Protein backbone atom coordinates (compact mmCIF):
# COMPACT_ATOMS: atom_id res chain seq x y z
CA UNK A 1 173.33 209.40 92.00
CA UNK A 2 174.32 208.81 88.19
CA UNK A 3 176.54 206.19 89.34
CA UNK A 4 173.62 204.33 91.26
CA UNK A 5 171.28 204.77 88.10
CA UNK A 6 173.88 203.20 85.99
CA UNK A 7 174.23 200.23 88.39
CA UNK A 8 170.44 199.70 88.53
CA UNK A 9 170.17 199.74 84.61
CA UNK A 10 173.18 197.16 84.27
CA UNK A 11 171.35 194.96 86.86
CA UNK A 12 168.09 195.51 85.06
CA UNK A 13 169.59 194.43 81.82
CA UNK A 14 171.08 191.46 83.39
CA UNK A 15 167.75 190.37 85.04
CA UNK A 16 165.94 190.74 81.91
CA UNK A 17 168.45 188.73 79.82
CA UNK A 18 168.34 186.04 82.18
CA UNK A 19 164.54 185.87 82.05
CA UNK A 20 164.61 185.99 78.43
CA UNK A 21 167.05 182.92 78.36
CA UNK A 22 164.60 181.09 80.51
CA UNK A 23 161.74 182.12 78.50
CA UNK A 24 163.49 180.89 75.30
CA UNK A 25 164.28 177.61 76.92
CA UNK A 26 160.75 177.00 77.98
CA UNK A 27 159.52 178.01 74.52
CA UNK A 28 161.85 175.38 73.05
CA UNK A 29 161.05 172.63 75.67
CA UNK A 30 157.41 173.27 74.97
CA UNK A 31 157.96 173.06 71.27
CA UNK A 32 159.83 169.75 71.53
CA UNK A 33 157.30 168.22 73.95
CA UNK A 34 154.66 169.23 71.43
CA UNK A 35 156.19 166.51 69.12
CA UNK A 36 155.66 163.98 72.01
CA UNK A 37 152.73 162.44 73.60
CA UNK A 38 152.07 160.51 76.77
CA UNK A 39 153.45 157.13 76.57
CA UNK A 40 156.02 158.04 73.84
CA UNK A 41 158.82 155.69 73.79
CA UNK A 42 162.03 156.48 75.50
CA UNK A 43 163.74 156.71 72.11
CA UNK A 44 161.26 159.20 70.82
CA UNK A 45 161.88 161.36 73.76
CA UNK A 46 165.66 161.28 73.64
CA UNK A 47 165.23 161.94 69.76
CA UNK A 48 163.54 165.27 70.76
CA UNK A 49 165.96 166.05 73.37
CA UNK A 50 168.92 165.74 71.16
CA UNK A 51 167.38 168.50 68.98
CA UNK A 52 167.34 170.74 71.93
CA UNK A 53 171.16 170.07 72.68
CA UNK A 54 173.14 167.88 75.04
CA UNK A 55 173.26 170.58 77.55
CA UNK A 56 169.68 170.54 78.06
CA UNK A 57 168.83 170.78 81.73
CA UNK A 58 165.43 169.21 81.49
CA UNK A 59 166.40 165.99 80.05
CA UNK A 60 165.60 164.00 83.24
CA UNK A 61 161.97 165.46 83.09
CA UNK A 62 161.57 164.56 79.41
CA UNK A 63 162.81 161.17 80.16
CA UNK A 64 160.11 160.76 82.75
CA UNK A 65 157.45 162.14 80.19
CA UNK A 66 157.92 159.00 78.25
CA UNK A 67 156.04 157.06 81.07
CA UNK A 68 153.40 159.71 81.69
CA UNK A 69 149.81 158.90 81.14
CA UNK A 70 147.78 161.41 79.21
CA UNK A 71 146.51 163.32 82.40
CA UNK A 72 150.12 163.62 83.73
CA UNK A 73 151.62 164.60 80.61
CA UNK A 74 148.98 167.32 80.11
CA UNK A 75 149.65 168.58 83.61
CA UNK A 76 153.45 168.82 82.85
CA UNK A 77 152.78 170.88 79.82
CA UNK A 78 150.12 173.00 81.72
CA UNK A 79 152.75 173.77 84.50
CA UNK A 80 155.35 174.71 81.97
CA UNK A 81 153.04 177.08 80.06
CA UNK A 82 151.89 178.56 83.50
CA UNK A 83 155.55 179.08 84.59
CA UNK A 84 156.24 180.73 81.20
CA UNK A 85 153.18 183.22 81.64
CA UNK A 86 154.56 184.02 85.06
CA UNK A 87 158.05 184.72 83.91
CA UNK A 88 156.66 186.83 81.05
CA UNK A 89 154.55 188.68 83.58
CA UNK A 90 157.78 189.24 85.70
CA UNK A 91 159.65 190.44 82.52
CA UNK A 92 156.97 193.00 81.77
CA UNK A 93 156.80 194.28 85.27
CA UNK A 94 160.46 194.76 85.39
CA UNK A 95 160.35 196.65 82.31
CA UNK A 96 157.62 198.89 83.72
CA UNK A 97 159.57 199.30 86.83
CA UNK A 98 162.76 200.39 84.87
CA UNK A 99 160.86 202.92 82.97
CA UNK A 100 159.37 204.47 85.99
CA UNK A 101 162.87 204.42 87.54
CA UNK A 102 164.39 206.56 84.61
CA UNK A 103 161.56 208.91 84.62
CA UNK A 104 161.97 209.58 88.40
CA UNK A 105 165.73 209.81 87.85
CA UNK A 106 165.28 212.49 85.07
CA UNK A 107 162.58 214.46 87.13
CA UNK A 108 164.93 214.52 90.27
CA UNK A 109 167.81 215.68 88.03
CA UNK A 110 165.47 218.44 86.59
CA UNK A 111 164.45 219.48 90.05
CA UNK A 112 168.31 219.74 91.36
CA UNK A 113 168.98 221.95 88.41
CA UNK A 114 166.08 224.18 89.11
CA UNK A 115 167.19 224.27 92.73
CA UNK A 116 170.71 225.31 91.84
CA UNK A 117 169.55 227.98 89.55
CA UNK A 118 167.33 229.46 92.23
CA UNK A 119 170.08 229.47 94.77
CA UNK A 120 172.45 231.15 92.39
CA UNK A 121 169.80 233.86 91.59
CA UNK A 122 168.98 234.84 95.15
CA UNK A 123 172.90 234.89 95.87
CA UNK A 124 173.21 237.42 92.95
CA UNK A 125 170.34 239.57 94.15
CA UNK A 126 171.69 239.66 97.63
CA UNK A 127 175.05 240.70 96.38
CA UNK A 128 173.53 243.29 94.15
CA UNK A 129 171.48 244.76 96.91
CA UNK A 130 174.68 244.97 99.20
CA UNK A 131 176.79 246.60 96.56
CA UNK A 132 173.87 249.27 96.22
CA UNK A 133 173.85 250.02 99.84
CA UNK A 134 177.52 250.33 100.04
CA UNK A 135 177.41 252.72 96.94
CA UNK A 136 174.88 254.86 98.91
CA UNK A 137 176.83 254.84 102.10
CA UNK A 138 179.91 255.89 100.36
CA UNK A 139 178.14 258.68 98.59
CA UNK A 140 177.03 260.12 101.82
CA UNK A 141 180.52 259.80 103.24
CA UNK A 142 181.66 261.93 100.24
CA UNK A 143 179.15 264.60 100.90
CA UNK A 144 180.20 264.83 104.56
CA UNK A 145 183.75 265.06 103.44
CA UNK A 146 183.02 267.88 101.17
CA UNK A 147 181.07 269.50 103.80
CA UNK A 148 184.00 269.40 106.30
CA UNK A 149 186.41 270.52 103.68
CA UNK A 150 184.37 273.54 102.77
CA UNK A 151 184.05 274.47 106.45
CA UNK A 152 187.79 274.45 106.78
CA UNK A 153 188.39 276.72 103.71
CA UNK A 154 185.88 279.26 104.66
CA UNK A 155 186.37 281.73 107.37
CA UNK A 156 183.25 283.90 106.61
CA UNK A 157 180.09 282.52 108.22
CA UNK A 158 181.98 279.97 110.28
CA UNK A 159 179.15 279.68 112.68
CA UNK A 160 176.61 279.01 110.06
CA UNK A 161 179.02 276.38 108.40
CA UNK A 162 179.54 274.78 111.73
CA UNK A 163 175.82 274.57 112.25
CA UNK A 164 175.46 273.27 108.53
CA UNK A 165 178.18 270.68 109.25
CA UNK A 166 176.66 269.75 112.42
CA UNK A 167 173.46 269.15 110.64
CA UNK A 168 175.14 266.93 107.95
CA UNK A 169 177.00 265.09 110.57
CA UNK A 170 173.84 264.35 112.40
CA UNK A 171 172.20 263.26 109.21
CA UNK A 172 175.10 261.26 108.18
CA UNK A 173 175.26 259.72 111.65
CA UNK A 174 171.71 258.76 111.38
CA UNK A 175 171.96 257.52 107.84
CA UNK A 176 175.15 255.69 108.81
CA UNK A 177 173.53 253.76 111.36
CA UNK A 178 170.67 252.91 109.24
CA UNK A 179 173.02 251.77 106.45
CA UNK A 180 175.21 249.92 108.74
CA UNK A 181 172.14 248.15 110.29
CA UNK A 182 171.07 247.41 106.69
CA UNK A 183 174.46 246.27 105.82
CA UNK A 184 174.52 243.96 108.84
CA UNK A 185 171.28 242.60 107.98
CA UNK A 186 172.17 241.92 104.11
CA UNK A 187 175.48 240.47 105.40
CA UNK A 188 173.62 237.96 107.62
CA UNK A 189 171.13 237.05 104.67
CA UNK A 190 174.30 236.66 102.41
CA UNK A 191 175.87 234.40 105.03
CA UNK A 192 172.74 232.17 105.32
CA UNK A 193 172.39 231.97 101.53
CA UNK A 194 176.08 231.27 101.06
CA UNK A 195 175.64 228.71 103.81
CA UNK A 196 172.71 226.86 102.10
CA UNK A 197 174.39 227.26 98.77
CA UNK A 198 177.44 225.47 99.93
CA UNK A 199 175.27 222.78 101.60
CA UNK A 200 173.27 222.43 98.42
CA UNK A 201 176.45 222.32 96.22
CA UNK A 202 177.59 219.41 98.69
CA UNK A 203 174.40 217.61 98.61
CA UNK A 204 174.23 217.85 94.48
CA UNK A 205 178.02 216.82 94.26
CA UNK A 206 177.19 213.81 96.30
CA UNK A 207 174.00 212.84 94.57
CA UNK A 208 175.85 213.44 91.25
CA UNK A 209 178.96 211.29 92.31
């Protein structure tokens, strides 16, 4: 994405430079034609051309201008001025389009940064919730282990302890099922988020490259 923006910027600069060269050339031609008039002698025309330079691409046209009548000469000047206005308009439009492209590029980069941040936040929250649930399940497992150990070390009130342990076991089983379901759900959510994060990372990397 950045590489494409750099290419677009380079092409824009090249177009504008070429347009500016044409505009400068037309300005120079109009300036020199301003020193001539319809019916000027060929020597006068060539004298003005020499001031522009030997590589002047409009020499043939200017030579013809020596034989133009007033109306034809005025039309030539008018066409050149019209061409200059058109090219100048194109130059301005190119500038506006480039500025818009730059704004859109910067906006896209900003949106991608926000998206990446949101994905990272969602992933961190999911991982935090998973850690909390695992901690709660581990705590209940410890409680069950302690109850079983207490049962094994106490002979008095065995029946009562067995009942208590049975109740703890039932509670633990219920809680374990609930926690297991929660863990499975969170794991699924985490997998979905991880998949989207990887896809987003791949997308961002392709856009950046």
